[in-house]
């Protein structure tokens, strides 16, 4: 598995963004892109890419963009470590030839 790890500093703490490319053999073309888990208690989310996207954005429930990161074309899975986020509802959004988004809930 090829992994690329990049650390980005976001006040007040550090966010870790990991892209993985284990191969697309287990990813069905008809399956939807999804984020898991949708109830987060440890600050870690995983986004499985079923299509090619240019970047991922994370919004709070008020619509403020909290995070924006480019995605390499070879990535099939993205892990985000976001320990600094407060409890609440957030919306990860993937943008490419189409845009998909899903609600997630963070508890502390």
Protein backbone atom coordinates (compact mmCIF):
# COMPACT_ATOMS: atom_id res chain seq x y z
CA UNK A 1 0.00 0.00 0.00
CA UNK A 2 1.34 3.38 -1.01
CA UNK A 3 0.68 6.13 1.53
CA UNK A 4 1.38 9.83 1.50
CA UNK A 5 1.19 11.69 4.81
CA UNK A 6 1.07 15.47 5.00
CA UNK A 7 0.67 17.49 8.18
CA UNK A 8 -1.17 20.80 8.04
CA UNK A 9 -1.29 23.25 10.90
CA UNK A 10 -4.75 24.56 11.64
CA UNK A 11 -5.32 26.64 14.75
CA UNK A 12 -5.38 25.62 17.52
CA UNK A 13 -4.05 22.11 16.76
CA UNK A 14 -2.59 19.99 14.01
CA UNK A 15 -4.63 18.12 11.37
CA UNK A 16 -3.25 15.05 9.69
CA UNK A 17 -4.29 14.15 6.12
CA UNK A 18 -3.35 10.68 4.82
CA UNK A 19 -4.02 9.44 1.29
CA UNK A 20 -3.85 5.72 0.48
CA UNK A 21 -3.87 3.85 -2.81
CA UNK A 22 -4.25 0.12 -2.12
CA UNK A 23 -5.65 -0.53 -5.59
CA UNK A 24 -9.14 -0.30 -6.98
CA UNK A 25 -9.88 -4.03 -7.26
CA UNK A 26 -12.23 -4.01 -4.28
CA UNK A 27 -14.03 -0.79 -5.18
CA UNK A 28 -17.19 -1.31 -7.21
CA UNK A 29 -17.96 1.27 -9.87
CA UNK A 30 -21.61 1.47 -8.80
CA UNK A 31 -20.93 1.99 -5.08
CA UNK A 32 -21.41 5.48 -3.69
CA UNK A 33 -18.63 7.55 -2.17
CA UNK A 34 -18.96 7.57 1.60
CA UNK A 35 -17.48 8.82 4.84
CA UNK A 36 -17.19 6.62 7.90
CA UNK A 37 -17.88 6.53 10.70
CA UNK A 38 -20.66 9.11 10.68
CA UNK A 39 -20.55 9.32 14.50
CA UNK A 40 -16.99 10.26 15.49
CA UNK A 41 -15.68 10.20 19.04
CA UNK A 42 -11.92 10.04 18.43
CA UNK A 43 -11.37 12.78 15.82
CA UNK A 44 -10.64 10.32 12.97
CA UNK A 45 -12.68 9.98 9.79
CA UNK A 46 -12.08 7.95 6.65
CA UNK A 47 -13.33 8.93 3.21
CA UNK A 48 -13.47 6.16 0.61
CA UNK A 49 -13.25 7.49 -2.94
CA UNK A 50 -15.32 5.65 -5.55
CA UNK A 51 -14.54 8.25 -8.21
CA UNK A 52 -11.84 10.82 -8.93
CA UNK A 53 -12.08 14.06 -6.99
CA UNK A 54 -9.93 17.18 -6.98
CA UNK A 55 -10.25 18.17 -3.33
CA UNK A 56 -12.01 17.54 -0.04
CA UNK A 57 -13.61 20.29 2.02
CA UNK A 58 -15.00 20.18 5.54
CA UNK A 59 -17.74 22.57 6.64
CA UNK A 60 -19.29 23.20 10.02
CA UNK A 61 -23.09 23.25 10.25
CA UNK A 62 -23.08 27.05 9.72
CA UNK A 63 -21.45 26.61 6.32
CA UNK A 64 -17.98 27.86 7.31
CA UNK A 65 -15.19 26.02 5.51
CA UNK A 66 -12.86 24.51 8.12
CA UNK A 67 -10.57 22.45 5.89
CA UNK A 68 -9.69 22.20 2.20
CA UNK A 69 -7.13 19.72 0.85
CA UNK A 70 -6.20 18.61 -2.67
CA UNK A 71 -6.57 14.92 -3.52
CA UNK A 72 -4.11 13.11 -5.76
CA UNK A 73 -5.66 11.16 -8.63
CA UNK A 74 -4.23 7.86 -7.34
CA UNK A 75 -5.94 8.06 -3.94
CA UNK A 76 -8.76 5.67 -3.05
CA UNK A 77 -8.95 6.39 0.68
CA UNK A 78 -8.35 9.50 2.76
CA UNK A 79 -7.95 9.53 6.54
CA UNK A 80 -8.42 12.78 8.41
CA UNK A 81 -7.31 13.25 12.01
CA UNK A 82 -9.14 16.28 13.40
CA UNK A 83 -8.81 16.24 17.20
CA UNK A 84 -9.41 19.98 17.60
CA UNK A 85 -13.01 20.00 16.34
CA UNK A 86 -15.77 20.69 18.86
CA UNK A 87 -18.76 18.40 19.21
CA UNK A 88 -21.35 19.02 16.53
CA UNK A 89 -22.44 18.37 12.96
CA UNK A 90 -19.97 18.70 10.09
CA UNK A 91 -20.21 18.13 6.35
CA UNK A 92 -17.30 16.61 4.39
CA UNK A 93 -17.62 17.45 0.70
CA UNK A 94 -15.75 15.91 -2.24
CA UNK A 95 -15.42 18.05 -5.37
CA UNK A 96 -14.51 16.81 -8.84
CA UNK A 97 -16.58 16.27 -11.98
CA UNK A 98 -19.42 15.85 -9.48
CA UNK A 99 -19.82 16.94 -5.88
CA UNK A 100 -20.85 14.64 -3.04
CA UNK A 101 -21.31 15.37 0.64
CA UNK A 102 -22.48 13.67 3.80
CA UNK A 103 -23.26 14.75 7.36
CA UNK A 104 -21.06 13.50 10.19
CA UNK A 105 -21.45 14.00 13.92
CA UNK A 106 -18.54 14.58 16.29
CA UNK A 107 -18.92 13.83 19.99
CA UNK A 108 -16.35 14.44 22.71
